[in-house]
Amino acid sequence: MDSFLNRLDPVVIGAVVMPLGLVASAWLLRMACAVCSVRVPDFMTAAAVIVVVVVANFGLRIALNHHEMALGLGSQLLLVLLTSATIVSISVRTTIASAIAVTITHVFFCGATYFGVSEVGQALL
């Protein structure tokens, strides 16, 4: 799989793989909301939530890496989790506890999907 991705042009990856990842992540967010018994947002709202979470966490990672704030990995991961859960809580209009459950379930679903696609890709290529 790695050799296949290494041969692709970065523009192709940005134009094809990233939108597919956005669509899959929005679909998985809707699925995580359903599993956690939270109101399931429509697809465009879920896609907008994913984009906002990605931009917010990207900015958070830049801020945490460029400042000498001596936070450990656990603290940084907790900040990312709380940032994502806050955005989900505001967007889906649920409590912060439910949003944390949705965020953790969403991360699990995304990881399982990535692992599954990677295993299928290694079997086929």
PDB file of N, CA and C in Angstrom:
ATOM      1  N   MET A   1       0.832  -1.194   0.000  1.00  0.00           N
ATOM      2  CA  MET A   1       0.000   0.000   0.000  1.00  0.00           C
ATOM      3  C   MET A   1       0.869   1.247   0.000  1.00  0.00           C
ATOM      4  N   ASP A   2       1.972   1.213   0.758  1.00  0.00           N
ATOM      5  CA  ASP A   2       2.839   2.379   0.829  1.00  0.00           C
ATOM      6  C   ASP A   2       3.461   2.693  -0.521  1.00  0.00           C
ATOM      7  N   SER A   3       3.878   1.677  -1.256  1.00  0.00           N
ATOM      8  CA  SER A   3       4.491   1.931  -2.564  1.00  0.00           C
ATOM      9  C   SER A   3       3.462   2.504  -3.533  1.00  0.00           C
ATOM     10  N   PHE A   4       2.208   2.078  -3.410  1.00  0.00           N
ATOM     11  CA  PHE A   4       1.156   2.623  -4.260  1.00  0.00           C
ATOM     12  C   PHE A   4       0.936   4.100  -3.969  1.00  0.00           C
ATOM     13  N   LEU A   5       0.880   4.454  -2.672  1.00  0.00           N
ATOM     14  CA  LEU A   5       0.683   5.858  -2.300  1.00  0.00           C
ATOM     15  C   LEU A   5       1.901   6.704  -2.639  1.00  0.00           C
ATOM     16  N   ASN A   6       3.097   6.138  -2.572  1.00  0.00           N
ATOM     17  CA  ASN A   6       4.305   6.891  -2.904  1.00  0.00           C
ATOM     18  C   ASN A   6       4.365   7.240  -4.379  1.00  0.00           C
ATOM     19  N   ARG A   7       3.725   6.450  -5.215  1.00  0.00           N
ATOM     20  CA  ARG A   7       3.740   6.723  -6.655  1.00  0.00           C
ATOM     21  C   ARG A   7       2.700   7.765  -7.059  1.00  0.00           C
ATOM     22  N   LEU A   8       1.736   8.053  -6.186  1.00  0.00           N
ATOM     23  CA  LEU A   8       0.690   9.012  -6.532  1.00  0.00           C
ATOM     24  C   LEU A   8       1.189  10.443  -6.383  1.00  0.00           C
ATOM     25  N   ASP A   9       0.655  11.287  -7.221  1.00  0.00           N
ATOM     26  CA  ASP A   9       0.959  12.709  -7.168  1.00  0.00           C
ATOM     27  C   ASP A   9       0.257  13.327  -5.958  1.00  0.00           C
ATOM     28  N   PRO A  10       0.913  14.220  -5.230  1.00  0.00           N
ATOM     29  CA  PRO A  10       0.261  14.837  -4.060  1.00  0.00           C
ATOM     30  C   PRO A  10      -1.031  15.579  -4.414  1.00  0.00           C
ATOM     31  N   VAL A  11      -1.118  16.117  -5.619  1.00  0.00           N
ATOM     32  CA  VAL A  11      -2.342  16.804  -6.035  1.00  0.00           C
ATOM     33  C   VAL A  11      -3.485  15.805  -6.168  1.00  0.00           C
ATOM     34  N   VAL A  12      -3.177  14.599  -6.660  1.00  0.00           N
ATOM     35  CA  VAL A  12      -4.198  13.558  -6.780  1.00  0.00           C
ATOM     36  C   VAL A  12      -4.666  13.130  -5.398  1.00  0.00           C
ATOM     37  N   ILE A  13      -3.733  12.998  -4.480  1.00  0.00           N
ATOM     38  CA  ILE A  13      -4.107  12.628  -3.121  1.00  0.00           C
ATOM     39  C   ILE A  13      -4.990  13.709  -2.505  1.00  0.00           C
ATOM     40  N   GLY A  14      -4.623  14.971  -2.710  1.00  0.00           N
ATOM     41  CA  GLY A  14      -5.427  16.066  -2.173  1.00  0.00           C
ATOM     42  C   GLY A  14      -6.785  16.192  -2.829  1.00  0.00           C
ATOM     43  N   ALA A  15      -6.867  15.863  -4.117  1.00  0.00           N
ATOM     44  CA  ALA A  15      -8.122  16.028  -4.845  1.00  0.00           C
ATOM     45  C   ALA A  15      -9.051  14.826  -4.717  1.00  0.00           C
ATOM     46  N   VAL A  16      -8.511  13.646  -4.412  1.00  0.00           N
ATOM     47  CA  VAL A  16      -9.337  12.443  -4.377  1.00  0.00           C
ATOM     48  C   VAL A  16      -9.432  11.851  -2.974  1.00  0.00           C
ATOM     49  N   VAL A  17      -8.291  11.627  -2.344  1.00  0.00           N
ATOM     50  CA  VAL A  17      -8.277  10.920  -1.074  1.00  0.00           C
ATOM     51  C   VAL A  17      -8.848  11.777   0.049  1.00  0.00           C
ATOM     52  N   MET A  18      -8.501  13.049   0.098  1.00  0.00           N
ATOM     53  CA  MET A  18      -8.990  13.900   1.183  1.00  0.00           C
ATOM     54  C   MET A  18     -10.509  14.095   1.160  1.00  0.00           C
ATOM     55  N   PRO A  19     -11.132  14.353   0.003  1.00  0.00           N
ATOM     56  CA  PRO A  19     -12.603  14.431   0.007  1.00  0.00           C
ATOM     57  C   PRO A  19     -13.268  13.106   0.374  1.00  0.00           C
ATOM     58  N   LEU A  20     -12.679  11.986  -0.049  1.00  0.00           N
ATOM     59  CA  LEU A  20     -13.229  10.691   0.346  1.00  0.00           C
ATOM     60  C   LEU A  20     -13.118  10.495   1.859  1.00  0.00           C
ATOM     61  N   GLY A  21     -12.014  10.948   2.433  1.00  0.00           N
ATOM     62  CA  GLY A  21     -11.857  10.877   3.876  1.00  0.00           C
ATOM     63  C   GLY A  21     -12.867  11.756   4.601  1.00  0.00           C
ATOM     64  N   LEU A  22     -13.142  12.934   4.056  1.00  0.00           N
ATOM     65  CA  LEU A  22     -14.145  13.830   4.644  1.00  0.00           C
ATOM     66  C   LEU A  22     -15.524  13.191   4.602  1.00  0.00           C
ATOM     67  N   VAL A  23     -15.878  12.608   3.470  1.00  0.00           N
ATOM     68  CA  VAL A  23     -17.183  11.956   3.325  1.00  0.00           C
ATOM     69  C   VAL A  23     -17.290  10.783   4.301  1.00  0.00           C
ATOM     70  N   ALA A  24     -16.245   9.967   4.371  1.00  0.00           N
ATOM     71  CA  ALA A  24     -16.267   8.814   5.272  1.00  0.00           C
ATOM     72  C   ALA A  24     -16.348   9.260   6.730  1.00  0.00           C
ATOM     73  N   SER A  25     -15.599  10.286   7.088  1.00  0.00           N
ATOM     74  CA  SER A  25     -15.604  10.764   8.467  1.00  0.00           C
ATOM     75  C   SER A  25     -16.958  11.363   8.843  1.00  0.00           C
ATOM     76  N   ALA A  26     -17.586  12.086   7.926  1.00  0.00           N
ATOM     77  CA  ALA A  26     -18.918  12.641   8.201  1.00  0.00           C
ATOM     78  C   ALA A  26     -19.941  11.522   8.375  1.00  0.00           C
ATOM     79  N   TRP A  27     -19.847  10.503   7.549  1.00  0.00           N
ATOM     80  CA  TRP A  27     -20.748   9.366   7.660  1.00  0.00           C
ATOM     81  C   TRP A  27     -20.530   8.641   8.995  1.00  0.00           C
ATOM     82  N   LEU A  28     -19.257   8.486   9.384  1.00  0.00           N
ATOM     83  CA  LEU A  28     -18.943   7.818  10.647  1.00  0.00           C
ATOM     84  C   LEU A  28     -19.367   8.665  11.848  1.00  0.00           C
ATOM     85  N   LEU A  29     -19.328   9.992  11.727  1.00  0.00           N
ATOM     86  CA  LEU A  29     -19.827  10.850  12.800  1.00  0.00           C
ATOM     87  C   LEU A  29     -21.323  10.653  12.987  1.00  0.00           C
ATOM     88  N   ARG A  30     -22.048  10.563  11.894  1.00  0.00           N
ATOM     89  CA  ARG A  30     -23.487  10.303  11.976  1.00  0.00           C
ATOM     90  C   ARG A  30     -23.747   8.946  12.641  1.00  0.00           C
ATOM     91  N   MET A  31     -22.931   7.968  12.285  1.00  0.00           N
ATOM     92  CA  MET A  31     -23.072   6.638  12.869  1.00  0.00           C
ATOM     93  C   MET A  31     -22.743   6.667  14.366  1.00  0.00           C
ATOM     94  N   ALA A  32     -21.714   7.412  14.759  1.00  0.00           N
ATOM     95  CA  ALA A  32     -21.352   7.525  16.178  1.00  0.00           C
ATOM     96  C   ALA A  32     -22.466   8.209  16.967  1.00  0.00           C
ATOM     97  N   CYS A  33     -23.098   9.213  16.371  1.00  0.00           N
ATOM     98  CA  CYS A  33     -24.223   9.876  17.045  1.00  0.00           C
ATOM     99  C   CYS A  33     -25.380   8.902  17.249  1.00  0.00           C
ATOM    100  N   ALA A  34     -25.638   8.066  16.249  1.00  0.00           N
ATOM    101  CA  ALA A  34     -26.724   7.090  16.377  1.00  0.00           C
ATOM    102  C   ALA A  34     -26.410   6.055  17.451  1.00  0.00           C
ATOM    103  N   VAL A  35     -25.171   5.597  17.522  1.00  0.00           N
ATOM    104  CA  VAL A  35     -24.790   4.602  18.523  1.00  0.00           C
ATOM    105  C   VAL A  35     -24.890   5.192  19.925  1.00  0.00           C
ATOM    106  N   CYS A  36     -24.532   6.455  20.073  1.00  0.00           N
ATOM    107  CA  CYS A  36     -24.555   7.104  21.400  1.00  0.00           C
ATOM    108  C   CYS A  36     -25.912   7.713  21.737  1.00  0.00           C
ATOM    109  N   SER A  37     -26.931   7.444  20.940  1.00  0.00           N
ATOM    110  CA  SER A  37     -28.296   7.936  21.163  1.00  0.00           C
ATOM    111  C   SER A  37     -28.361   9.457  21.253  1.00  0.00           C
ATOM    112  N   VAL A  38     -27.629  10.094  20.338  1.00  0.00           N
ATOM    113  CA  VAL A  38     -27.649  11.551  20.209  1.00  0.00           C
ATOM    114  C   VAL A  38     -28.344  11.863  18.891  1.00  0.00           C
ATOM    115  N   ARG A  39     -28.998  13.021  18.834  1.00  0.00           N
ATOM    116  CA  ARG A  39     -29.664  13.422  17.596  1.00  0.00           C
ATOM    117  C   ARG A  39     -28.669  13.372  16.442  1.00  0.00           C
ATOM    118  N   VAL A  40     -29.014  12.619  15.396  1.00  0.00           N
ATOM    119  CA  VAL A  40     -28.119  12.440  14.254  1.00  0.00           C
ATOM    120  C   VAL A  40     -28.248  13.652  13.333  1.00  0.00           C
ATOM    121  N   PRO A  41     -27.135  14.354  13.090  1.00  0.00           N
ATOM    122  CA  PRO A  41     -27.199  15.517  12.202  1.00  0.00           C
ATOM    123  C   PRO A  41     -27.322  15.069  10.744  1.00  0.00           C
ATOM    124  N   ASP A  42     -27.821  15.967   9.903  1.00  0.00           N
ATOM    125  CA  ASP A  42     -27.844  15.627   8.479  1.00  0.00           C
ATOM    126  C   ASP A  42     -26.403  15.608   7.953  1.00  0.00           C
ATOM    127  N   PHE A  43     -26.241  15.119   6.726  1.00  0.00           N
ATOM    128  CA  PHE A  43     -24.897  14.874   6.219  1.00  0.00           C
ATOM    129  C   PHE A  43     -24.085  16.161   6.076  1.00  0.00           C
ATOM    130  N   MET A  44     -24.685  17.228   5.594  1.00  0.00           N
ATOM    131  CA  MET A  44     -23.938  18.481   5.397  1.00  0.00           C
ATOM    132  C   MET A  44     -23.499  19.076   6.735  1.00  0.00           C
ATOM    133  N   THR A  45     -24.330  18.967   7.752  1.00  0.00           N
ATOM    134  CA  THR A  45     -23.940  19.439   9.084  1.00  0.00           C
ATOM    135  C   THR A  45     -22.789  18.602   9.620  1.00  0.00           C
ATOM    136  N   ALA A  46     -22.861  17.287   9.426  1.00  0.00           N
ATOM    137  CA  ALA A  46     -21.779  16.409   9.884  1.00  0.00           C
ATOM    138  C   ALA A  46     -20.478  16.729   9.151  1.00  0.00           C
ATOM    139  N   ALA A  47     -20.566  16.996   7.845  1.00  0.00           N
ATOM    140  CA  ALA A  47     -19.363  17.350   7.081  1.00  0.00           C
ATOM    141  C   ALA A  47     -18.789  18.685   7.561  1.00  0.00           C
ATOM    142  N   ALA A  48     -19.665  19.644   7.858  1.00  0.00           N
ATOM    143  CA  ALA A  48     -19.189  20.935   8.367  1.00  0.00           C
ATOM    144  C   ALA A  48     -18.539  20.776   9.739  1.00  0.00           C
ATOM    145  N   VAL A  49     -19.103  19.918  10.582  1.00  0.00           N
ATOM    146  CA  VAL A  49     -18.510  19.663  11.902  1.00  0.00           C
ATOM    147  C   VAL A  49     -17.119  19.063  11.739  1.00  0.00           C
ATOM    148  N   ILE A  50     -16.973  18.123  10.812  1.00  0.00           N
ATOM    149  CA  ILE A  50     -15.672  17.488  10.581  1.00  0.00           C
ATOM    150  C   ILE A  50     -14.653  18.524  10.114  1.00  0.00           C
ATOM    151  N   VAL A  51     -15.047  19.406   9.211  1.00  0.00           N
ATOM    152  CA  VAL A  51     -14.120  20.432   8.718  1.00  0.00           C
ATOM    153  C   VAL A  51     -13.710  21.371   9.857  1.00  0.00           C
ATOM    154  N   VAL A  52     -14.660  21.787  10.679  1.00  0.00           N
ATOM    155  CA  VAL A  52     -14.343  22.682  11.797  1.00  0.00           C
ATOM    156  C   VAL A  52     -13.437  21.980  12.806  1.00  0.00           C
ATOM    157  N   VAL A  53     -13.693  20.711  13.087  1.00  0.00           N
ATOM    158  CA  VAL A  53     -12.855  19.955  14.026  1.00  0.00           C
ATOM    159  C   VAL A  53     -11.436  19.826  13.475  1.00  0.00           C
ATOM    160  N   VAL A  54     -11.301  19.541  12.190  1.00  0.00           N
ATOM    161  CA  VAL A  54      -9.969  19.406  11.587  1.00  0.00           C
ATOM    162  C   VAL A  54      -9.208  20.724  11.667  1.00  0.00           C
ATOM    163  N   VAL A  55      -9.852  21.826  11.311  1.00  0.00           N
ATOM    164  CA  VAL A  55      -9.187  23.132  11.341  1.00  0.00           C
ATOM    165  C   VAL A  55      -8.831  23.523  12.777  1.00  0.00           C
ATOM    166  N   ALA A  56      -9.748  23.306  13.717  1.00  0.00           N
ATOM    167  CA  ALA A  56      -9.478  23.660  15.115  1.00  0.00           C
ATOM    168  C   ALA A  56      -8.335  22.828  15.691  1.00  0.00           C
ATOM    169  N   ASN A  57      -8.343  21.534  15.411  1.00  0.00           N
ATOM    170  CA  ASN A  57      -7.272  20.682  15.935  1.00  0.00           C
ATOM    171  C   ASN A  57      -5.942  20.950  15.250  1.00  0.00           C
ATOM    172  N   PHE A  58      -5.978  21.327  13.978  1.00  0.00           N
ATOM    173  CA  PHE A  58      -4.744  21.711  13.285  1.00  0.00           C
ATOM    174  C   PHE A  58      -4.150  22.961  13.934  1.00  0.00           C
ATOM    175  N   GLY A  59      -4.991  23.950  14.200  1.00  0.00           N
ATOM    176  CA  GLY A  59      -4.526  25.154  14.878  1.00  0.00           C
ATOM    177  C   GLY A  59      -4.044  24.870  16.288  1.00  0.00           C
ATOM    178  N   LEU A  60      -4.739  23.971  16.986  1.00  0.00           N
ATOM    179  CA  LEU A  60      -4.327  23.597  18.340  1.00  0.00           C
ATOM    180  C   LEU A  60      -2.974  22.906  18.319  1.00  0.00           C
ATOM    181  N   ARG A  61      -2.745  22.021  17.373  1.00  0.00           N
ATOM    182  CA  ARG A  61      -1.456  21.339  17.276  1.00  0.00           C
ATOM    183  C   ARG A  61      -0.334  22.328  16.981  1.00  0.00           C
ATOM    184  N   ILE A  62      -0.590  23.289  16.114  1.00  0.00           N
ATOM    185  CA  ILE A  62       0.427  24.304  15.824  1.00  0.00           C
ATOM    186  C   ILE A  62       0.719  25.124  17.078  1.00  0.00           C
ATOM    187  N   ALA A  63      -0.336  25.535  17.773  1.00  0.00           N
ATOM    188  CA  ALA A  63      -0.141  26.339  18.992  1.00  0.00           C
ATOM    189  C   ALA A  63       0.605  25.551  20.063  1.00  0.00           C
ATOM    190  N   LEU A  64       0.268  24.289  20.241  1.00  0.00           N
ATOM    191  CA  LEU A  64       0.929  23.497  21.277  1.00  0.00           C
ATOM    192  C   LEU A  64       2.371  23.163  20.916  1.00  0.00           C
ATOM    193  N   ASN A  65       2.656  22.996  19.642  1.00  0.00           N
ATOM    194  CA  ASN A  65       4.012  22.637  19.238  1.00  0.00           C
ATOM    195  C   ASN A  65       4.948  23.838  19.175  1.00  0.00           C
ATOM    196  N   HIS A  66       4.416  25.039  18.956  1.00  0.00           N
ATOM    197  CA  HIS A  66       5.276  26.207  18.817  1.00  0.00           C
ATOM    198  C   HIS A  66       5.507  26.963  20.120  1.00  0.00           C
ATOM    199  N   HIS A  67       4.745  26.649  21.131  1.00  0.00           N
ATOM    200  CA  HIS A  67       4.952  27.285  22.423  1.00  0.00           C
ATOM    201  C   HIS A  67       5.640  26.296  23.344  1.00  0.00           C
ATOM    202  N   GLU A  68       6.489  26.794  24.175  1.00  0.00           N
ATOM    203  CA  GLU A  68       7.231  25.936  25.103  1.00  0.00           C
ATOM    204  C   GLU A  68       6.376  25.674  26.336  1.00  0.00           C
ATOM    205  N   MET A  69       5.271  24.961  26.168  1.00  0.00           N
ATOM    206  CA  MET A  69       4.347  24.751  27.269  1.00  0.00           C
ATOM    207  C   MET A  69       4.555  23.402  27.956  1.00  0.00           C
ATOM    208  N   ALA A  70       5.559  22.665  27.722  1.00  0.00           N
ATOM    209  CA  ALA A  70       5.947  21.436  28.425  1.00  0.00           C
ATOM    210  C   ALA A  70       4.763  20.563  28.817  1.00  0.00           C
ATOM    211  N   LEU A  71       3.796  20.439  27.930  1.00  0.00           N
ATOM    212  CA  LEU A  71       2.679  19.540  28.191  1.00  0.00           C
ATOM    213  C   LEU A  71       3.055  18.148  27.701  1.00  0.00           C
ATOM    214  N   GLY A  72       2.672  17.149  28.447  1.00  0.00           N
ATOM    215  CA  GLY A  72       2.933  15.785  28.021  1.00  0.00           C
ATOM    216  C   GLY A  72       1.967  15.360  26.930  1.00  0.00           C
ATOM    217  N   LEU A  73       2.214  14.195  26.386  1.00  0.00           N
ATOM    218  CA  LEU A  73       1.367  13.691  25.301  1.00  0.00           C
ATOM    219  C   LEU A  73      -0.063  13.480  25.777  1.00  0.00           C
ATOM    220  N   GLY A  74      -0.220  12.978  26.994  1.00  0.00           N
ATOM    221  CA  GLY A  74      -1.564  12.760  27.526  1.00  0.00           C
ATOM    222  C   GLY A  74      -2.354  14.050  27.629  1.00  0.00           C
ATOM    223  N   SER A  75      -1.714  15.111  28.077  1.00  0.00           N
ATOM    224  CA  SER A  75      -2.394  16.403  28.181  1.00  0.00           C
ATOM    225  C   SER A  75      -2.766  16.933  26.805  1.00  0.00           C
ATOM    226  N   GLN A  76      -1.868  16.774  25.841  1.00  0.00           N
ATOM    227  CA  GLN A  76      -2.159  17.244  24.492  1.00  0.00           C
ATOM    228  C   GLN A  76      -3.309  16.452  23.878  1.00  0.00           C
ATOM    229  N   LEU A  77      -3.336  15.145  24.089  1.00  0.00           N
ATOM    230  CA  LEU A  77      -4.433  14.346  23.560  1.00  0.00           C
ATOM    231  C   LEU A  77      -5.743  14.690  24.241  1.00  0.00           C
ATOM    232  N   LEU A  78      -5.688  14.988  25.532  1.00  0.00           N
ATOM    233  CA  LEU A  78      -6.892  15.381  26.251  1.00  0.00           C
ATOM    234  C   LEU A  78      -7.421  16.716  25.732  1.00  0.00           C
ATOM    235  N   LEU A  79      -6.535  17.659  25.425  1.00  0.00           N
ATOM    236  CA  LEU A  79      -6.963  18.944  24.861  1.00  0.00           C
ATOM    237  C   LEU A  79      -7.629  18.754  23.501  1.00  0.00           C
ATOM    238  N   VAL A  80      -7.071  17.865  22.677  1.00  0.00           N
ATOM    239  CA  VAL A  80      -7.666  17.588  21.366  1.00  0.00           C
ATOM    240  C   VAL A  80      -9.044  16.954  21.541  1.00  0.00           C
ATOM    241  N   LEU A  81      -9.165  16.012  22.477  1.00  0.00           N
ATOM    242  CA  LEU A  81     -10.450  15.372  22.741  1.00  0.00           C
ATOM    243  C   LEU A  81     -11.474  16.389  23.219  1.00  0.00           C
ATOM    244  N   LEU A  82     -11.087  17.247  24.146  1.00  0.00           N
ATOM    245  CA  LEU A  82     -12.024  18.245  24.663  1.00  0.00           C
ATOM    246  C   LEU A  82     -12.400  19.283  23.610  1.00  0.00           C
ATOM    247  N   THR A  83     -11.453  19.666  22.766  1.00  0.00           N
ATOM    248  CA  THR A  83     -11.760  20.600  21.682  1.00  0.00           C
ATOM    249  C   THR A  83     -12.761  19.986  20.714  1.00  0.00           C
ATOM    250  N   SER A  84     -12.506  18.755  20.308  1.00  0.00           N
ATOM    251  CA  SER A  84     -13.416  18.074  19.382  1.00  0.00           C
ATOM    252  C   SER A  84     -14.791  17.882  20.014  1.00  0.00           C
ATOM    253  N   ALA A  85     -14.818  17.475  21.277  1.00  0.00           N
ATOM    254  CA  ALA A  85     -16.098  17.257  21.949  1.00  0.00           C
ATOM    255  C   ALA A  85     -16.874  18.560  22.121  1.00  0.00           C
ATOM    256  N   THR A  86     -16.178  19.653  22.380  1.00  0.00           N
ATOM    257  CA  THR A  86     -16.851  20.949  22.506  1.00  0.00           C
ATOM    258  C   THR A  86     -17.495  21.364  21.191  1.00  0.00           C
ATOM    259  N   ILE A  87     -16.771  21.168  20.099  1.00  0.00           N
ATOM    260  CA  ILE A  87     -17.322  21.513  18.784  1.00  0.00           C
ATOM    261  C   ILE A  87     -18.519  20.627  18.466  1.00  0.00           C
ATOM    262  N   VAL A  88     -18.429  19.336  18.750  1.00  0.00           N
ATOM    263  CA  VAL A  88     -19.557  18.427  18.519  1.00  0.00           C
ATOM    264  C   VAL A  88     -20.729  18.821  19.409  1.00  0.00           C
ATOM    265  N   SER A  89     -20.452  19.167  20.655  1.00  0.00           N
ATOM    266  CA  SER A  89     -21.508  19.547  21.584  1.00  0.00           C
ATOM    267  C   SER A  89     -22.271  20.781  21.099  1.00  0.00           C
ATOM    268  N   ILE A  90     -21.548  21.764  20.616  1.00  0.00           N
ATOM    269  CA  ILE A  90     -22.187  22.981  20.124  1.00  0.00           C
ATOM    270  C   ILE A  90     -22.939  22.727  18.824  1.00  0.00           C
ATOM    271  N   SER A  91     -22.349  21.950  17.935  1.00  0.00           N
ATOM    272  CA  SER A  91     -22.937  21.726  16.611  1.00  0.00           C
ATOM    273  C   SER A  91     -24.150  20.815  16.654  1.00  0.00           C
ATOM    274  N   VAL A  92     -24.086  19.766  17.458  1.00  0.00           N
ATOM    275  CA  VAL A  92     -25.172  18.790  17.509  1.00  0.00           C
ATOM    276  C   VAL A  92     -26.173  19.151  18.605  1.00  0.00           C
ATOM    277  N   ARG A  93     -25.826  20.110  19.447  1.00  0.00           N
ATOM    278  CA  ARG A  93     -26.670  20.576  20.556  1.00  0.00           C
ATOM    279  C   ARG A  93     -26.974  19.442  21.527  1.00  0.00           C
ATOM    280  N   THR A  94     -25.926  18.998  22.163  1.00  0.00           N
ATOM    281  CA  THR A  94     -26.040  17.955  23.173  1.00  0.00           C
ATOM    282  C   THR A  94     -25.159  18.321  24.356  1.00  0.00           C
ATOM    283  N   THR A  95     -25.187  17.510  25.385  1.00  0.00           N
ATOM    284  CA  THR A  95     -24.361  17.783  26.562  1.00  0.00           C
ATOM    285  C   THR A  95     -22.905  17.440  26.260  1.00  0.00           C
ATOM    286  N   ILE A  96     -22.007  17.959  27.075  1.00  0.00           N
ATOM    287  CA  ILE A  96     -20.591  17.708  26.849  1.00  0.00           C
ATOM    288  C   ILE A  96     -20.254  16.237  27.100  1.00  0.00           C
ATOM    289  N   ALA A  97     -20.926  15.587  28.048  1.00  0.00           N
ATOM    290  CA  ALA A  97     -20.676  14.164  28.309  1.00  0.00           C
ATOM    291  C   ALA A  97     -21.074  13.317  27.101  1.00  0.00           C
ATOM    292  N   SER A  98     -22.216  13.617  26.507  1.00  0.00           N
ATOM    293  CA  SER A  98     -22.637  12.895  25.310  1.00  0.00           C
ATOM    294  C   SER A  98     -21.700  13.189  24.148  1.00  0.00           C
ATOM    295  N   ALA A  99     -21.222  14.421  24.059  1.00  0.00           N
ATOM    296  CA  ALA A  99     -20.311  14.788  22.984  1.00  0.00           C
ATOM    297  C   ALA A  99     -18.967  14.067  23.135  1.00  0.00           C
ATOM    298  N   ILE A 100     -18.505  13.892  24.366  1.00  0.00           N
ATOM    299  CA  ILE A 100     -17.266  13.135  24.585  1.00  0.00           C
ATOM    300  C   ILE A 100     -17.470  11.679  24.166  1.00  0.00           C
ATOM    301  N   ALA A 101     -18.626  11.108  24.505  1.00  0.00           N
ATOM    302  CA  ALA A 101     -18.920   9.732  24.097  1.00  0.00           C
ATOM    303  C   ALA A 101     -18.981   9.623  22.577  1.00  0.00           C
ATOM    304  N   VAL A 102     -19.608  10.602  21.920  1.00  0.00           N
ATOM    305  CA  VAL A 102     -19.681  10.607  20.453  1.00  0.00           C
ATOM    306  C   VAL A 102     -18.284  10.731  19.863  1.00  0.00           C
ATOM    307  N   THR A 103     -17.451  11.590  20.422  1.00  0.00           N
ATOM    308  CA  THR A 103     -16.098  11.793  19.906  1.00  0.00           C
ATOM    309  C   THR A 103     -15.259  10.538  20.052  1.00  0.00           C
ATOM    310  N   ILE A 104     -15.329   9.886  21.195  1.00  0.00           N
ATOM    311  CA  ILE A 104     -14.562   8.651  21.397  1.00  0.00           C
ATOM    312  C   ILE A 104     -15.061   7.549  20.464  1.00  0.00           C
ATOM    313  N   THR A 105     -16.373   7.437  20.301  1.00  0.00           N
ATOM    314  CA  THR A 105     -16.929   6.443  19.385  1.00  0.00           C
ATOM    315  C   THR A 105     -16.530   6.754  17.948  1.00  0.00           C
ATOM    316  N   HIS A 106     -16.529   8.031  17.588  1.00  0.00           N
ATOM    317  CA  HIS A 106     -16.135   8.435  16.238  1.00  0.00           C
ATOM    318  C   HIS A 106     -14.670   8.086  15.970  1.00  0.00           C
ATOM    319  N   VAL A 107     -13.813   8.338  16.953  1.00  0.00           N
ATOM    320  CA  VAL A 107     -12.397   7.984  16.796  1.00  0.00           C
ATOM    321  C   VAL A 107     -12.242   6.475  16.620  1.00  0.00           C
ATOM    322  N   PHE A 108     -12.991   5.694  17.405  1.00  0.00           N
ATOM    323  CA  PHE A 108     -12.932   4.242  17.274  1.00  0.00           C
ATOM    324  C   PHE A 108     -13.387   3.802  15.883  1.00  0.00           C
ATOM    325  N   PHE A 109     -14.498   4.351  15.401  1.00  0.00           N
ATOM    326  CA  PHE A 109     -14.999   3.981  14.077  1.00  0.00           C
ATOM    327  C   PHE A 109     -14.023   4.374  12.972  1.00  0.00           C
ATOM    328  N   CYS A 110     -13.427   5.568  13.091  1.00  0.00           N
ATOM    329  CA  CYS A 110     -12.460   6.008  12.082  1.00  0.00           C
ATOM    330  C   CYS A 110     -11.223   5.107  12.084  1.00  0.00           C
ATOM    331  N   GLY A 111     -10.747   4.748  13.272  1.00  0.00           N
ATOM    332  CA  GLY A 111      -9.598   3.849  13.357  1.00  0.00           C
ATOM    333  C   GLY A 111      -9.893   2.480  12.784  1.00  0.00           C
ATOM    334  N   ALA A 112     -11.072   1.936  13.104  1.00  0.00           N
ATOM    335  CA  ALA A 112     -11.455   0.629  12.571  1.00  0.00           C
ATOM    336  C   ALA A 112     -11.602   0.674  11.050  1.00  0.00           C
ATOM    337  N   THR A 113     -12.164   1.757  10.530  1.00  0.00           N
ATOM    338  CA  THR A 113     -12.311   1.898   9.088  1.00  0.00           C
ATOM    339  C   THR A 113     -10.952   2.019   8.414  1.00  0.00           C
ATOM    340  N   TYR A 114     -10.059   2.820   8.987  1.00  0.00           N
ATOM    341  CA  TYR A 114      -8.721   2.967   8.430  1.00  0.00           C
ATOM    342  C   TYR A 114      -7.986   1.627   8.428  1.00  0.00           C
ATOM    343  N   PHE A 115      -8.085   0.893   9.535  1.00  0.00           N
ATOM    344  CA  PHE A 115      -7.434  -0.411   9.620  1.00  0.00           C
ATOM    345  C   PHE A 115      -8.007  -1.361   8.573  1.00  0.00           C
ATOM    346  N   GLY A 116      -9.334  -1.375   8.431  1.00  0.00           N
ATOM    347  CA  GLY A 116      -9.968  -2.253   7.447  1.00  0.00           C
ATOM    348  C   GLY A 116      -9.572  -1.921   6.021  1.00  0.00           C
ATOM    349  N   VAL A 117      -9.572  -0.646   5.675  1.00  0.00           N
ATOM    350  CA  VAL A 117      -9.185  -0.232   4.320  1.00  0.00           C
ATOM    351  C   VAL A 117      -7.716  -0.552   4.069  1.00  0.00           C
ATOM    352  N   SER A 118      -6.885  -0.357   5.082  1.00  0.00           N
ATOM    353  CA  SER A 118      -5.467  -0.656   4.930  1.00  0.00           C
ATOM    354  C   SER A 118      -5.230  -2.152   4.735  1.00  0.00           C
ATOM    355  N   GLU A 119      -5.962  -3.000   5.457  1.00  0.00           N
ATOM    356  CA  GLU A 119      -5.818  -4.446   5.293  1.00  0.00           C
ATOM    357  C   GLU A 119      -6.306  -4.894   3.923  1.00  0.00           C
ATOM    358  N   VAL A 120      -7.421  -4.339   3.466  1.00  0.00           N
ATOM    359  CA  VAL A 120      -7.920  -4.669   2.128  1.00  0.00           C
ATOM    360  C   VAL A 120      -6.933  -4.209   1.066  1.00  0.00           C
ATOM    361  N   GLY A 121      -6.364  -3.013   1.254  1.00  0.00           N
ATOM    362  CA  GLY A 121      -5.382  -2.503   0.312  1.00  0.00           C
ATOM    363  C   GLY A 121      -4.133  -3.372   0.248  1.00  0.00           C
ATOM    364  N   GLN A 122      -3.672  -3.871   1.385  1.00  0.00           N
ATOM    365  CA  GLN A 122      -2.495  -4.740   1.381  1.00  0.00           C
ATOM    366  C   GLN A 122      -2.816  -6.087   0.745  1.00  0.00           C
ATOM    367  N   ALA A 123      -4.042  -6.563   0.924  1.00  0.00           N
ATOM    368  CA  ALA A 123      -4.405  -7.850   0.327  1.00  0.00           C
ATOM    369  C   ALA A 123      -4.530  -7.743  -1.190  1.00  0.00           C
ATOM    370  N   LEU A 124      -4.999  -6.591  -1.665  1.00  0.00           N
ATOM    371  CA  LEU A 124      -5.217  -6.429  -3.104  1.00  0.00           C
ATOM    372  C   LEU A 124      -3.951  -6.016  -3.846  1.00  0.00           C
ATOM    373  N   LEU A 125      -3.073  -5.261  -3.182  1.00  0.00           N
ATOM    374  CA  LEU A 125      -1.888  -4.758  -3.876  1.00  0.00           C
ATOM    375  C   LEU A 125      -0.728  -5.555  -3.506  1.00  0.00           C
TER     376      LEU A 125
END
